[in-house]
PDB file of N, CA and C in Angstrom:
ATOM      1  N   TYR A   1      87.427  -0.680  12.828  1.00  0.00           N
ATOM      2  CA  TYR A   1      86.450  -1.737  12.640  1.00  0.00           C
ATOM      3  C   TYR A   1      85.031  -1.245  12.844  1.00  0.00           C
ATOM      4  N   VAL A   2      84.815   0.000  12.536  1.00  0.00           N
ATOM      5  CA  VAL A   2      83.488   0.580  12.650  1.00  0.00           C
ATOM      6  C   VAL A   2      82.515  -0.162  11.743  1.00  0.00           C
ATOM      7  N   ALA A   3      82.969  -0.535  10.551  1.00  0.00           N
ATOM      8  CA  ALA A   3      82.094  -1.214   9.592  1.00  0.00           C
ATOM      9  C   ALA A   3      81.565  -2.528  10.158  1.00  0.00           C
ATOM     10  N   LYS A   4      82.399  -3.279  10.862  1.00  0.00           N
ATOM     11  CA  LYS A   4      81.964  -4.554  11.454  1.00  0.00           C
ATOM     12  C   LYS A   4      80.874  -4.327  12.495  1.00  0.00           C
ATOM     13  N   ASN A   5      80.972  -3.249  13.255  1.00  0.00           N
ATOM     14  CA  ASN A   5      79.973  -2.957  14.285  1.00  0.00           C
ATOM     15  C   ASN A   5      78.625  -2.589  13.689  1.00  0.00           C
ATOM     16  N   LYS A   6      78.613  -2.097  12.462  1.00  0.00           N
ATOM     17  CA  LYS A   6      77.366  -1.672  11.831  1.00  0.00           C
ATOM     18  C   LYS A   6      76.657  -2.821  11.109  1.00  0.00           C
ATOM     19  N   GLY A   7      77.271  -3.970  11.066  1.00  0.00           N
ATOM     20  CA  GLY A   7      76.625  -5.106  10.420  1.00  0.00           C
ATOM     21  C   GLY A   7      77.514  -5.718   9.360  1.00  0.00           C
ATOM     22  N   LYS A   8      77.072  -6.845   8.859  1.00  0.00           N
ATOM     23  CA  LYS A   8      77.841  -7.614   7.893  1.00  0.00           C
ATOM     24  C   LYS A   8      77.941  -6.889   6.551  1.00  0.00           C
ATOM     25  N   ASN A   9      79.145  -6.914   5.979  1.00  0.00           N
ATOM     26  CA  ASN A   9      79.396  -6.356   4.646  1.00  0.00           C
ATOM     27  C   ASN A   9      79.022  -4.883   4.495  1.00  0.00           C
ATOM     28  N   GLN A  10      79.307  -4.107   5.514  1.00  0.00           N
ATOM     29  CA  GLN A  10      79.040  -2.676   5.454  1.00  0.00           C
ATOM     30  C   GLN A  10      80.291  -1.940   4.990  1.00  0.00           C
ATOM     31  N   LEU A  11      80.105  -0.930   4.191  1.00  0.00           N
ATOM     32  CA  LEU A  11      81.197  -0.100   3.729  1.00  0.00           C
ATOM     33  C   LEU A  11      81.358   1.073   4.685  1.00  0.00           C
ATOM     34  N   GLN A  12      82.576   1.294   5.145  1.00  0.00           N
ATOM     35  CA  GLN A  12      82.857   2.426   6.032  1.00  0.00           C
ATOM     36  C   GLN A  12      84.019   3.197   5.440  1.00  0.00           C
ATOM     37  N   LEU A  13      83.779   4.433   5.050  1.00  0.00           N
ATOM     38  CA  LEU A  13      84.830   5.252   4.473  1.00  0.00           C
ATOM     39  C   LEU A  13      85.819   5.662   5.541  1.00  0.00           C
ATOM     40  N   TYR A  14      87.104   5.665   5.193  1.00  0.00           N
ATOM     41  CA  TYR A  14      88.160   6.023   6.127  1.00  0.00           C
ATOM     42  C   TYR A  14      87.954   7.421   6.683  1.00  0.00           C
ATOM     43  N   GLY A  15      87.597   8.362   5.839  1.00  0.00           N
ATOM     44  CA  GLY A  15      87.460   9.752   6.248  1.00  0.00           C
ATOM     45  C   GLY A  15      86.279  10.035   7.149  1.00  0.00           C
ATOM     46  N   SER A  16      85.380   9.089   7.335  1.00  0.00           N
ATOM     47  CA  SER A  16      84.214   9.354   8.171  1.00  0.00           C
ATOM     48  C   SER A  16      84.546   9.268   9.658  1.00  0.00           C
ATOM     49  N   ASN A  17      85.699   8.719   9.996  1.00  0.00           N
ATOM     50  CA  ASN A  17      86.151   8.712  11.381  1.00  0.00           C
ATOM     51  C   ASN A  17      86.830  10.052  11.643  1.00  0.00           C
ATOM     52  N   GLN A  18      86.322  10.843  12.579  1.00  0.00           N
ATOM     53  CA  GLN A  18      86.847  12.177  12.829  1.00  0.00           C
ATOM     54  C   GLN A  18      88.262  12.168  13.400  1.00  0.00           C
ATOM     55  N   ARG A  19      88.640  11.140  14.098  1.00  0.00           N
ATOM     56  CA  ARG A  19      89.955  11.089  14.729  1.00  0.00           C
ATOM     57  C   ARG A  19      90.945  10.359  13.825  1.00  0.00           C
ATOM     58  N   SER A  20      91.987  11.043  13.421  1.00  0.00           N
ATOM     59  CA  SER A  20      93.009  10.391  12.608  1.00  0.00           C
ATOM     60  C   SER A  20      94.328  10.258  13.358  1.00  0.00           C
ATOM     61  N   HIS A  21      94.375  10.725  14.618  1.00  0.00           N
ATOM     62  CA  HIS A  21      95.579  10.635  15.437  1.00  0.00           C
ATOM     63  C   HIS A  21      95.217  10.071  16.808  1.00  0.00           C
ATOM     64  N   ARG A  22      96.178   9.354  17.387  1.00  0.00           N
ATOM     65  CA  ARG A  22      95.998   8.813  18.737  1.00  0.00           C
ATOM     66  C   ARG A  22      95.859   9.979  19.715  1.00  0.00           C
ATOM     67  N   ARG A  23      94.923   9.874  20.635  1.00  0.00           N
ATOM     68  CA  ARG A  23      94.633  10.933  21.603  1.00  0.00           C
ATOM     69  C   ARG A  23      94.889  10.378  23.003  1.00  0.00           C
ATOM     70  N   VAL A  24      95.565  11.168  23.843  1.00  0.00           N
ATOM     71  CA  VAL A  24      95.851  10.736  25.213  1.00  0.00           C
ATOM     72  C   VAL A  24      95.305  11.753  26.209  1.00  0.00           C
ATOM     73  N   ASP A  25      94.808  11.248  27.329  1.00  0.00           N
ATOM     74  CA  ASP A  25      94.377  12.121  28.419  1.00  0.00           C
ATOM     75  C   ASP A  25      95.617  12.640  29.132  1.00  0.00           C
ATOM     76  N   THR A  26      95.555  13.887  29.543  1.00  0.00           N
ATOM     77  CA  THR A  26      96.699  14.504  30.189  1.00  0.00           C
ATOM     78  C   THR A  26      96.237  15.667  31.050  1.00  0.00           C
ATOM     79  N   SER A  27      97.146  16.310  31.696  1.00  0.00           N
ATOM     80  CA  SER A  27      96.859  17.536  32.430  1.00  0.00           C
ATOM     81  C   SER A  27      98.107  18.408  32.324  1.00  0.00           C
ATOM     82  N   LEU A  28      98.177  19.158  31.251  1.00  0.00           N
ATOM     83  CA  LEU A  28      99.328  20.016  30.984  1.00  0.00           C
ATOM     84  C   LEU A  28      98.927  21.473  31.091  1.00  0.00           C
ATOM     85  N   GLY A  29      99.826  22.271  31.573  1.00  0.00           N
ATOM     86  CA  GLY A  29      99.588  23.699  31.615  1.00  0.00           C
ATOM     87  C   GLY A  29      99.982  24.347  30.303  1.00  0.00           C
ATOM     88  N   GLY A  30      99.554  25.549  30.146  1.00  0.00           N
ATOM     89  CA  GLY A  30      99.917  26.304  28.963  1.00  0.00           C
ATOM     90  C   GLY A  30      99.231  27.651  28.979  1.00  0.00           C
ATOM     91  N   TYR A  31      99.380  28.352  27.884  1.00  0.00           N
ATOM     92  CA  TYR A  31      98.729  29.647  27.739  1.00  0.00           C
ATOM     93  C   TYR A  31      98.510  29.938  26.271  1.00  0.00           C
ATOM     94  N   TYR A  32      97.694  30.936  26.002  1.00  0.00           N
ATOM     95  CA  TYR A  32      97.464  31.344  24.623  1.00  0.00           C
ATOM     96  C   TYR A  32      97.269  32.850  24.564  1.00  0.00           C
ATOM     97  N   THR A  33      97.494  33.375  23.368  1.00  0.00           N
ATOM     98  CA  THR A  33      97.207  34.770  23.060  1.00  0.00           C
ATOM     99  C   THR A  33      96.302  34.781  21.838  1.00  0.00           C
ATOM    100  N   ILE A  34      95.580  35.882  21.670  1.00  0.00           N
ATOM    101  CA  ILE A  34      94.674  36.017  20.527  1.00  0.00           C
ATOM    102  C   ILE A  34      95.071  37.263  19.744  1.00  0.00           C
ATOM    103  N   GLY A  35      95.330  37.070  18.454  1.00  0.00           N
ATOM    104  CA  GLY A  35      95.673  38.203  17.593  1.00  0.00           C
ATOM    105  C   GLY A  35      96.956  38.884  18.032  1.00  0.00           C
ATOM    106  N   ASN A  36      96.993  40.191  17.870  1.00  0.00           N
ATOM    107  CA  ASN A  36      98.185  40.966  18.211  1.00  0.00           C
ATOM    108  C   ASN A  36      98.233  41.349  19.685  1.00  0.00           C
ATOM    109  N   ASP A  37      97.194  40.971  20.429  1.00  0.00           N
ATOM    110  CA  ASP A  37      97.158  41.260  21.857  1.00  0.00           C
ATOM    111  C   ASP A  37      98.124  40.309  22.567  1.00  0.00           C
ATOM    112  N   ASN A  38      99.052  40.843  23.319  1.00  0.00           N
ATOM    113  CA  ASN A  38     100.041  40.013  24.014  1.00  0.00           C
ATOM    114  C   ASN A  38      99.553  39.498  25.360  1.00  0.00           C
ATOM    115  N   LYS A  39      98.283  39.758  25.686  1.00  0.00           N
ATOM    116  CA  LYS A  39      97.737  39.271  26.955  1.00  0.00           C
ATOM    117  C   LYS A  39      97.675  37.744  26.915  1.00  0.00           C
ATOM    118  N   LYS A  40      98.242  37.105  27.947  1.00  0.00           N
ATOM    119  CA  LYS A  40      98.268  35.646  28.026  1.00  0.00           C
ATOM    120  C   LYS A  40      97.115  35.152  28.884  1.00  0.00           C
ATOM    121  N   PHE A  41      96.412  34.143  28.350  1.00  0.00           N
ATOM    122  CA  PHE A  41      95.327  33.478  29.068  1.00  0.00           C
ATOM    123  C   PHE A  41      95.799  32.069  29.402  1.00  0.00           C
ATOM    124  N   SER A  42      95.610  31.655  30.646  1.00  0.00           N
ATOM    125  CA  SER A  42      96.045  30.313  31.029  1.00  0.00           C
ATOM    126  C   SER A  42      95.067  29.259  30.524  1.00  0.00           C
ATOM    127  N   VAL A  43      95.586  28.062  30.356  1.00  0.00           N
ATOM    128  CA  VAL A  43      94.808  26.947  29.838  1.00  0.00           C
ATOM    129  C   VAL A  43      95.347  25.666  30.466  1.00  0.00           C
ATOM    130  N   ILE A  44      94.447  24.700  30.672  1.00  0.00           N
ATOM    131  CA  ILE A  44      94.834  23.361  31.103  1.00  0.00           C
ATOM    132  C   ILE A  44      94.437  22.408  29.987  1.00  0.00           C
ATOM    133  N   ILE A  45      95.399  21.701  29.446  1.00  0.00           N
ATOM    134  CA  ILE A  45      95.138  20.763  28.355  1.00  0.00           C
ATOM    135  C   ILE A  45      94.740  19.430  28.977  1.00  0.00           C
ATOM    136  N   THR A  46      93.534  18.963  28.647  1.00  0.00           N
ATOM    137  CA  THR A  46      93.007  17.747  29.268  1.00  0.00           C
ATOM    138  C   THR A  46      93.171  16.505  28.397  1.00  0.00           C
ATOM    139  N   ASN A  47      93.275  16.682  27.086  1.00  0.00           N
ATOM    140  CA  ASN A  47      93.696  15.582  26.223  1.00  0.00           C
ATOM    141  C   ASN A  47      94.358  16.160  24.989  1.00  0.00           C
ATOM    142  N   LEU A  48      95.142  15.316  24.324  1.00  0.00           N
ATOM    143  CA  LEU A  48      96.074  15.822  23.338  1.00  0.00           C
ATOM    144  C   LEU A  48      96.319  14.807  22.239  1.00  0.00           C
ATOM    145  N   SER A  49      96.461  15.285  21.015  1.00  0.00           N
ATOM    146  CA  SER A  49      96.881  14.461  19.883  1.00  0.00           C
ATOM    147  C   SER A  49      97.713  15.340  18.958  1.00  0.00           C
ATOM    148  N   GLU A  50      98.261  14.734  17.897  1.00  0.00           N
ATOM    149  CA  GLU A  50      99.021  15.515  16.925  1.00  0.00           C
ATOM    150  C   GLU A  50      98.136  16.533  16.209  1.00  0.00           C
ATOM    151  N   GLY A  51      96.873  16.215  16.040  1.00  0.00           N
ATOM    152  CA  GLY A  51      95.981  17.072  15.263  1.00  0.00           C
ATOM    153  C   GLY A  51      95.195  18.088  16.065  1.00  0.00           C
ATOM    154  N   GLY A  52      95.201  17.948  17.391  1.00  0.00           N
ATOM    155  CA  GLY A  52      94.430  18.885  18.192  1.00  0.00           C
ATOM    156  C   GLY A  52      94.423  18.510  19.656  1.00  0.00           C
ATOM    157  N   LEU A  53      93.591  19.226  20.408  1.00  0.00           N
ATOM    158  CA  LEU A  53      93.548  18.998  21.840  1.00  0.00           C
ATOM    159  C   LEU A  53      92.248  19.532  22.425  1.00  0.00           C
ATOM    160  N   MET A  54      91.988  19.129  23.658  1.00  0.00           N
ATOM    161  CA  MET A  54      90.880  19.691  24.411  1.00  0.00           C
ATOM    162  C   MET A  54      91.483  20.430  25.597  1.00  0.00           C
ATOM    163  N   ALA A  55      90.985  21.643  25.831  1.00  0.00           N
ATOM    164  CA  ALA A  55      91.571  22.484  26.871  1.00  0.00           C
ATOM    165  C   ALA A  55      90.487  23.166  27.689  1.00  0.00           C
ATOM    166  N   LEU A  56      90.821  23.461  28.917  1.00  0.00           N
ATOM    167  CA  LEU A  56      89.935  24.158  29.843  1.00  0.00           C
ATOM    168  C   LEU A  56      90.484  25.562  30.066  1.00  0.00           C
ATOM    169  N   THR A  57      89.603  26.569  29.948  1.00  0.00           N
ATOM    170  CA  THR A  57      90.008  27.953  30.153  1.00  0.00           C
ATOM    171  C   THR A  57      88.874  28.736  30.793  1.00  0.00           C
ATOM    172  N   ASP A  58      89.187  29.892  31.332  1.00  0.00           N
ATOM    173  CA  ASP A  58      88.133  30.735  31.900  1.00  0.00           C
ATOM    174  C   ASP A  58      87.794  31.895  30.974  1.00  0.00           C
ATOM    175  N   ASN A  59      88.290  31.849  29.750  1.00  0.00           N
ATOM    176  CA  ASN A  59      88.024  32.891  28.766  1.00  0.00           C
ATOM    177  C   ASN A  59      87.009  32.376  27.745  1.00  0.00           C
ATOM    178  N   ASP A  60      85.922  33.082  27.560  1.00  0.00           N
ATOM    179  CA  ASP A  60      84.872  32.685  26.610  1.00  0.00           C
ATOM    180  C   ASP A  60      85.317  33.065  25.192  1.00  0.00           C
ATOM    181  N   ILE A  61      85.662  32.061  24.392  1.00  0.00           N
ATOM    182  CA  ILE A  61      86.186  32.278  23.045  1.00  0.00           C
ATOM    183  C   ILE A  61      85.184  31.733  22.031  1.00  0.00           C
ATOM    184  N   SER A  62      85.000  32.429  20.951  1.00  0.00           N
ATOM    185  CA  SER A  62      84.071  32.005  19.899  1.00  0.00           C
ATOM    186  C   SER A  62      84.680  30.918  19.020  1.00  0.00           C
ATOM    187  N   ARG A  63      83.797  30.105  18.438  1.00  0.00           N
ATOM    188  CA  ARG A  63      84.222  29.111  17.449  1.00  0.00           C
ATOM    189  C   ARG A  63      84.954  29.809  16.314  1.00  0.00           C
ATOM    190  N   ASN A  64      85.894  29.117  15.715  1.00  0.00           N
ATOM    191  CA  ASN A  64      86.713  29.572  14.586  1.00  0.00           C
ATOM    192  C   ASN A  64      87.730  30.646  14.941  1.00  0.00           C
ATOM    193  N   THR A  65      87.844  30.998  16.216  1.00  0.00           N
ATOM    194  CA  THR A  65      88.875  31.950  16.627  1.00  0.00           C
ATOM    195  C   THR A  65      90.246  31.316  16.445  1.00  0.00           C
ATOM    196  N   LEU A  66      91.172  32.083  15.872  1.00  0.00           N
ATOM    197  CA  LEU A  66      92.554  31.638  15.752  1.00  0.00           C
ATOM    198  C   LEU A  66      93.319  32.164  16.956  1.00  0.00           C
ATOM    199  N   LEU A  67      94.140  31.303  17.542  1.00  0.00           N
ATOM    200  CA  LEU A  67      94.928  31.726  18.686  1.00  0.00           C
ATOM    201  C   LEU A  67      96.319  31.122  18.606  1.00  0.00           C
ATOM    202  N   ASP A  68      97.233  31.709  19.331  1.00  0.00           N
ATOM    203  CA  ASP A  68      98.596  31.188  19.436  1.00  0.00           C
ATOM    204  C   ASP A  68      98.717  30.501  20.785  1.00  0.00           C
ATOM    205  N   LEU A  69      98.855  29.187  20.732  1.00  0.00           N
ATOM    206  CA  LEU A  69      98.879  28.346  21.924  1.00  0.00           C
ATOM    207  C   LEU A  69     100.310  27.962  22.261  1.00  0.00           C
ATOM    208  N   CYS A  70     100.590  27.804  23.530  1.00  0.00           N
ATOM    209  CA  CYS A  70     101.907  27.353  23.979  1.00  0.00           C
ATOM    210  C   CYS A  70     101.690  26.278  25.043  1.00  0.00           C
ATOM    211  N   ILE A  71     102.186  25.064  24.777  1.00  0.00           N
ATOM    212  CA  ILE A  71     102.048  23.947  25.712  1.00  0.00           C
ATOM    213  C   ILE A  71     103.326  23.824  26.532  1.00  0.00           C
ATOM    214  N   GLU A  72     103.159  23.692  27.845  1.00  0.00           N
ATOM    215  CA  GLU A  72     104.288  23.496  28.751  1.00  0.00           C
ATOM    216  C   GLU A  72     104.305  22.035  29.195  1.00  0.00           C
ATOM    217  N   PHE A  73     105.463  21.386  29.074  1.00  0.00           N
ATOM    218  CA  PHE A  73     105.586  19.971  29.397  1.00  0.00           C
ATOM    219  C   PHE A  73     106.217  19.776  30.770  1.00  0.00           C
ATOM    220  N   PRO A  74     105.914  18.651  31.425  1.00  0.00           N
ATOM    221  CA  PRO A  74     106.396  18.432  32.786  1.00  0.00           C
ATOM    222  C   PRO A  74     107.914  18.254  32.887  1.00  0.00           C
ATOM    223  N   ASP A  75     108.595  17.978  31.779  1.00  0.00           N
ATOM    224  CA  ASP A  75     110.052  17.797  31.830  1.00  0.00           C
ATOM    225  C   ASP A  75     110.790  19.122  31.987  1.00  0.00           C
ATOM    226  N   GLY A  76     110.043  20.233  31.951  1.00  0.00           N
ATOM    227  CA  GLY A  76     110.662  21.538  32.138  1.00  0.00           C
ATOM    228  C   GLY A  76     111.387  22.056  30.914  1.00  0.00           C
ATOM    229  N   GLY A  77     111.327  21.321  29.811  1.00  0.00           N
ATOM    230  CA  GLY A  77     111.975  21.766  28.581  1.00  0.00           C
ATOM    231  C   GLY A  77     111.234  22.921  27.941  1.00  0.00           C
ATOM    232  N   ARG A  78     111.732  23.314  26.782  1.00  0.00           N
ATOM    233  CA  ARG A  78     111.149  24.442  26.065  1.00  0.00           C
ATOM    234  C   ARG A  78     109.685  24.166  25.727  1.00  0.00           C
ATOM    235  N   PRO A  79     108.801  25.113  26.021  1.00  0.00           N
ATOM    236  CA  PRO A  79     107.388  24.953  25.637  1.00  0.00           C
ATOM    237  C   PRO A  79     107.243  24.897  24.113  1.00  0.00           C
ATOM    238  N   ILE A  80     106.161  24.303  23.661  1.00  0.00           N
ATOM    239  CA  ILE A  80     105.892  24.217  22.217  1.00  0.00           C
ATOM    240  C   ILE A  80     104.815  25.231  21.850  1.00  0.00           C
ATOM    241  N   PRO A  81     105.176  26.244  21.062  1.00  0.00           N
ATOM    242  CA  PRO A  81     104.182  27.216  20.587  1.00  0.00           C
ATOM    243  C   PRO A  81     103.678  26.820  19.197  1.00  0.00           C
ATOM    244  N   PHE A  82     102.386  27.028  18.954  1.00  0.00           N
ATOM    245  CA  PHE A  82     101.832  26.764  17.620  1.00  0.00           C
ATOM    246  C   PHE A  82     100.465  27.424  17.498  1.00  0.00           C
ATOM    247  N   PRO A  83     100.061  27.737  16.264  1.00  0.00           N
ATOM    248  CA  PRO A  83      98.731  28.299  16.052  1.00  0.00           C
ATOM    249  C   PRO A  83      97.663  27.203  16.096  1.00  0.00           C
ATOM    250  N   ALA A  84      96.493  27.561  16.586  1.00  0.00           N
ATOM    251  CA  ALA A  84      95.375  26.616  16.670  1.00  0.00           C
ATOM    252  C   ALA A  84      94.069  27.357  16.398  1.00  0.00           C
ATOM    253  N   ARG A  85      93.045  26.585  16.048  1.00  0.00           N
ATOM    254  CA  ARG A  85      91.717  27.143  15.764  1.00  0.00           C
ATOM    255  C   ARG A  85      90.706  26.485  16.679  1.00  0.00           C
ATOM    256  N   VAL A  86      89.794  27.281  17.237  1.00  0.00           N
ATOM    257  CA  VAL A  86      88.729  26.755  18.094  1.00  0.00           C
ATOM    258  C   VAL A  86      87.676  26.112  17.190  1.00  0.00           C
ATOM    259  N   VAL A  87      87.495  24.791  17.319  1.00  0.00           N
ATOM    260  CA  VAL A  87      86.499  24.097  16.494  1.00  0.00           C
ATOM    261  C   VAL A  87      85.199  23.848  17.248  1.00  0.00           C
ATOM    262  N   TRP A  88      85.263  23.823  18.575  1.00  0.00           N
ATOM    263  CA  TRP A  88      84.036  23.736  19.373  1.00  0.00           C
ATOM    264  C   TRP A  88      84.295  24.295  20.768  1.00  0.00           C
ATOM    265  N   LYS A  89      83.205  24.637  21.437  1.00  0.00           N
ATOM    266  CA  LYS A  89      83.270  25.185  22.795  1.00  0.00           C
ATOM    267  C   LYS A  89      82.070  24.667  23.578  1.00  0.00           C
ATOM    268  N   LYS A  90      82.302  24.292  24.833  1.00  0.00           N
ATOM    269  CA  LYS A  90      81.222  23.870  25.736  1.00  0.00           C
ATOM    270  C   LYS A  90      81.429  24.542  27.088  1.00  0.00           C
ATOM    271  N   ASN A  91      80.337  24.895  27.744  1.00  0.00           N
ATOM    272  CA  ASN A  91      80.427  25.396  29.111  1.00  0.00           C
ATOM    273  C   ASN A  91      80.792  24.233  30.019  1.00  0.00           C
ATOM    274  N   ALA A  92      81.833  24.413  30.845  1.00  0.00           N
ATOM    275  CA  ALA A  92      82.252  23.367  31.776  1.00  0.00           C
ATOM    276  C   ALA A  92      81.716  23.641  33.169  1.00  0.00           C
ATOM    277  N   ALA A  93      81.726  24.883  33.550  1.00  0.00           N
ATOM    278  CA  ALA A  93      81.231  25.342  34.854  1.00  0.00           C
ATOM    279  C   ALA A  93      81.056  26.842  34.711  1.00  0.00           C
ATOM    280  N   GLU A  94      80.643  27.482  35.791  1.00  0.00           N
ATOM    281  CA  GLU A  94      80.489  28.927  35.722  1.00  0.00           C
ATOM    282  C   GLU A  94      81.841  29.565  35.400  1.00  0.00           C
ATOM    283  N   ASN A  95      81.889  30.337  34.341  1.00  0.00           N
ATOM    284  CA  ASN A  95      83.102  31.019  33.874  1.00  0.00           C
ATOM    285  C   ASN A  95      84.241  30.058  33.523  1.00  0.00           C
ATOM    286  N   GLN A  96      83.913  28.838  33.122  1.00  0.00           N
ATOM    287  CA  GLN A  96      84.911  27.869  32.658  1.00  0.00           C
ATOM    288  C   GLN A  96      84.394  27.231  31.385  1.00  0.00           C
ATOM    289  N   PHE A  97      85.287  27.077  30.419  1.00  0.00           N
ATOM    290  CA  PHE A  97      84.899  26.582  29.102  1.00  0.00           C
ATOM    291  C   PHE A  97      85.864  25.503  28.637  1.00  0.00           C
ATOM    292  N   LEU A  98      85.299  24.446  28.053  1.00  0.00           N
ATOM    293  CA  LEU A  98      86.098  23.426  27.378  1.00  0.00           C
ATOM    294  C   LEU A  98      86.176  23.824  25.916  1.00  0.00           C
ATOM    295  N   LEU A  99      87.373  23.763  25.367  1.00  0.00           N
ATOM    296  CA  LEU A  99      87.581  24.112  23.966  1.00  0.00           C
ATOM    297  C   LEU A  99      88.157  22.926  23.222  1.00  0.00           C
ATOM    298  N   GLY A 100      87.660  22.690  22.028  1.00  0.00           N
ATOM    299  CA  GLY A 100      88.270  21.753  21.109  1.00  0.00           C
ATOM    300  C   GLY A 100      89.111  22.567  20.146  1.00  0.00           C
ATOM    301  N   LEU A 101      90.413  22.332  20.141  1.00  0.00           N
ATOM    302  CA  LEU A 101      91.330  23.122  19.329  1.00  0.00           C
ATOM    303  C   LEU A 101      91.994  22.246  18.274  1.00  0.00           C
ATOM    304  N   GLN A 102      92.063  22.753  17.078  1.00  0.00           N
ATOM    305  CA  GLN A 102      92.708  22.065  15.967  1.00  0.00           C
ATOM    306  C   GLN A 102      94.070  22.707  15.726  1.00  0.00           C
ATOM    307  N   THR A 103      95.100  21.874  15.643  1.00  0.00           N
ATOM    308  CA  THR A 103      96.438  22.364  15.335  1.00  0.00           C
ATOM    309  C   THR A 103      96.468  22.853  13.898  1.00  0.00           C
ATOM    310  N   ILE A 104      96.961  24.065  13.674  1.00  0.00           N
ATOM    311  CA  ILE A 104      97.066  24.610  12.322  1.00  0.00           C
ATOM    312  C   ILE A 104      98.357  24.144  11.672  1.00  0.00           C
ATOM    313  N   GLU A 105      99.476  24.383  12.317  1.00  0.00           N
ATOM    314  CA  GLU A 105     100.768  23.904  11.832  1.00  0.00           C
ATOM    315  C   GLU A 105     101.727  23.845  13.008  1.00  0.00           C
ATOM    316  N   MET A 106     102.749  22.987  12.843  1.00  0.00           N
ATOM    317  CA  MET A 106     103.728  22.840  13.905  1.00  0.00           C
ATOM    318  C   MET A 106     105.067  22.479  13.263  1.00  0.00           C
ATOM    319  N   PRO A 107     106.140  23.167  13.645  1.00  0.00           N
ATOM    320  CA  PRO A 107     107.459  22.815  13.113  1.00  0.00           C
ATOM    321  C   PRO A 107     107.794  21.350  13.410  1.00  0.00           C
ATOM    322  N   SER A 108     108.531  20.709  12.511  1.00  0.00           N
ATOM    323  CA  SER A 108     108.789  19.276  12.638  1.00  0.00           C
ATOM    324  C   SER A 108     109.503  18.909  13.939  1.00  0.00           C
ATOM    325  N   ARG A 109     110.428  19.733  14.424  1.00  0.00           N
ATOM    326  CA  ARG A 109     111.118  19.383  15.684  1.00  0.00           C
ATOM    327  C   ARG A 109     110.143  19.387  16.861  1.00  0.00           C
ATOM    328  N   ASP A 110     109.150  20.298  16.829  1.00  0.00           N
ATOM    329  CA  ASP A 110     108.148  20.327  17.889  1.00  0.00           C
ATOM    330  C   ASP A 110     107.179  19.162  17.743  1.00  0.00           C
ATOM    331  N   LEU A 111     106.859  18.810  16.503  1.00  0.00           N
ATOM    332  CA  LEU A 111     105.968  17.675  16.261  1.00  0.00           C
ATOM    333  C   LEU A 111     106.601  16.382  16.771  1.00  0.00           C
ATOM    334  N   VAL A 112     107.897  16.222  16.556  1.00  0.00           N
ATOM    335  CA  VAL A 112     108.608  15.035  17.054  1.00  0.00           C
ATOM    336  C   VAL A 112     108.534  14.980  18.579  1.00  0.00           C
ATOM    337  N   ARG A 113     108.725  16.115  19.223  1.00  0.00           N
ATOM    338  CA  ARG A 113     108.640  16.173  20.693  1.00  0.00           C
ATOM    339  C   ARG A 113     107.234  15.844  21.175  1.00  0.00           C
ATOM    340  N   LEU A 114     106.228  16.388  20.490  1.00  0.00           N
ATOM    341  CA  LEU A 114     104.836  16.110  20.841  1.00  0.00           C
ATOM    342  C   LEU A 114     104.525  14.625  20.660  1.00  0.00           C
ATOM    343  N   GLN A 115     104.968  14.036  19.548  1.00  0.00           N
ATOM    344  CA  GLN A 115     104.740  12.612  19.297  1.00  0.00           C
ATOM    345  C   GLN A 115     105.379  11.752  20.392  1.00  0.00           C
ATOM    346  N   ALA A 116     106.589  12.125  20.817  1.00  0.00           N
ATOM    347  CA  ALA A 116     107.270  11.373  21.883  1.00  0.00           C
ATOM    348  C   ALA A 116     106.486  11.463  23.187  1.00  0.00           C
ATOM    349  N   PHE A 117     105.960  12.655  23.508  1.00  0.00           N
ATOM    350  CA  PHE A 117     105.169  12.814  24.719  1.00  0.00           C
ATOM    351  C   PHE A 117     103.906  11.956  24.653  1.00  0.00           C
ATOM    352  N   ILE A 118     103.224  11.973  23.509  1.00  0.00           N
ATOM    353  CA  ILE A 118     101.998  11.182  23.333  1.00  0.00           C
ATOM    354  C   ILE A 118     102.309   9.694  23.454  1.00  0.00           C
ATOM    355  N   GLU A 119     103.376   9.251  22.811  1.00  0.00           N
ATOM    356  CA  GLU A 119     103.777   7.839  22.870  1.00  0.00           C
ATOM    357  C   GLU A 119     104.069   7.421  24.310  1.00  0.00           C
ATOM    358  N   GLN A 120     104.820   8.242  25.024  1.00  0.00           N
ATOM    359  CA  GLN A 120     105.163   7.947  26.417  1.00  0.00           C
ATOM    360  C   GLN A 120     103.909   7.936  27.290  1.00  0.00           C
ATOM    361  N   SER A 121     103.030   8.923  27.105  1.00  0.00           N
ATOM    362  CA  SER A 121     101.795   8.995  27.890  1.00  0.00           C
ATOM    363  C   SER A 121     100.902   7.802  27.612  1.00  0.00           C
ATOM    364  N   ASP A 122     100.860   7.391  26.342  1.00  0.00           N
ATOM    365  CA  ASP A 122     100.023   6.258  25.954  1.00  0.00           C
ATOM    366  C   ASP A 122     100.558   4.961  26.562  1.00  0.00           C
ATOM    367  N   SER A 123     101.872   4.800  26.590  1.00  0.00           N
ATOM    368  CA  SER A 123     102.443   3.581  27.156  1.00  0.00           C
ATOM    369  C   SER A 123     102.347   3.561  28.679  1.00  0.00           C
ATOM    370  N   ASP A 124     102.263   4.754  29.304  1.00  0.00           N
ATOM    371  CA  ASP A 124     102.111   4.836  30.759  1.00  0.00           C
ATOM    372  C   ASP A 124     100.684   4.582  31.226  1.00  0.00           C
ATOM    373  N   SER A 125      99.685   4.758  30.326  1.00  0.00           N
ATOM    374  CA  SER A 125      98.285   4.592  30.739  1.00  0.00           C
ATOM    375  C   SER A 125      97.920   3.113  30.809  1.00  0.00           C
ATOM    376  N   PRO A 126      97.014   2.780  31.732  1.00  0.00           N
ATOM    377  CA  PRO A 126      96.551   1.399  31.819  1.00  0.00           C
ATOM    378  C   PRO A 126      95.833   0.994  30.530  1.00  0.00           C
ATOM    379  N   GLN A 127      96.010  -0.254  30.149  1.00  0.00           N
ATOM    380  CA  GLN A 127      95.346  -0.756  28.935  1.00  0.00           C
ATOM    381  C   GLN A 127      93.843  -0.760  29.131  1.00  0.00           C
ATOM    382  N   ARG A 128      93.115  -0.397  28.066  1.00  0.00           N
ATOM    383  CA  ARG A 128      91.653  -0.333  28.144  1.00  0.00           C
ATOM    384  C   ARG A 128      91.037  -1.642  27.791  1.00  0.00           C
TER     385      ARG A 128
END
């Protein structure tokens, strides 16, 4: 209803809204690797959607970097690995960075698991 907020009879294109998936706040652990280097960097995922996530790390990564991310869920089940791209970066604190990551692709069985986690997290959060 962005169009209604901008005034009467305003046209608002669907694609102008950057978020096309429900996003939930969370605190999940995980790690990522970059390129062929097998060195793992830890990450804390602070919010999550099917299309991307925001994560906190102590590694300074450039925009557009491709990385292999692995999310660990609290149920102790198999982590979900998938490729992601850094779309933005902000300094969070000294030697800490917030990253906006876009999901590149995810196998359907992992996507179903991610959707279930998001749905459960969304239903557990207090209504806004």
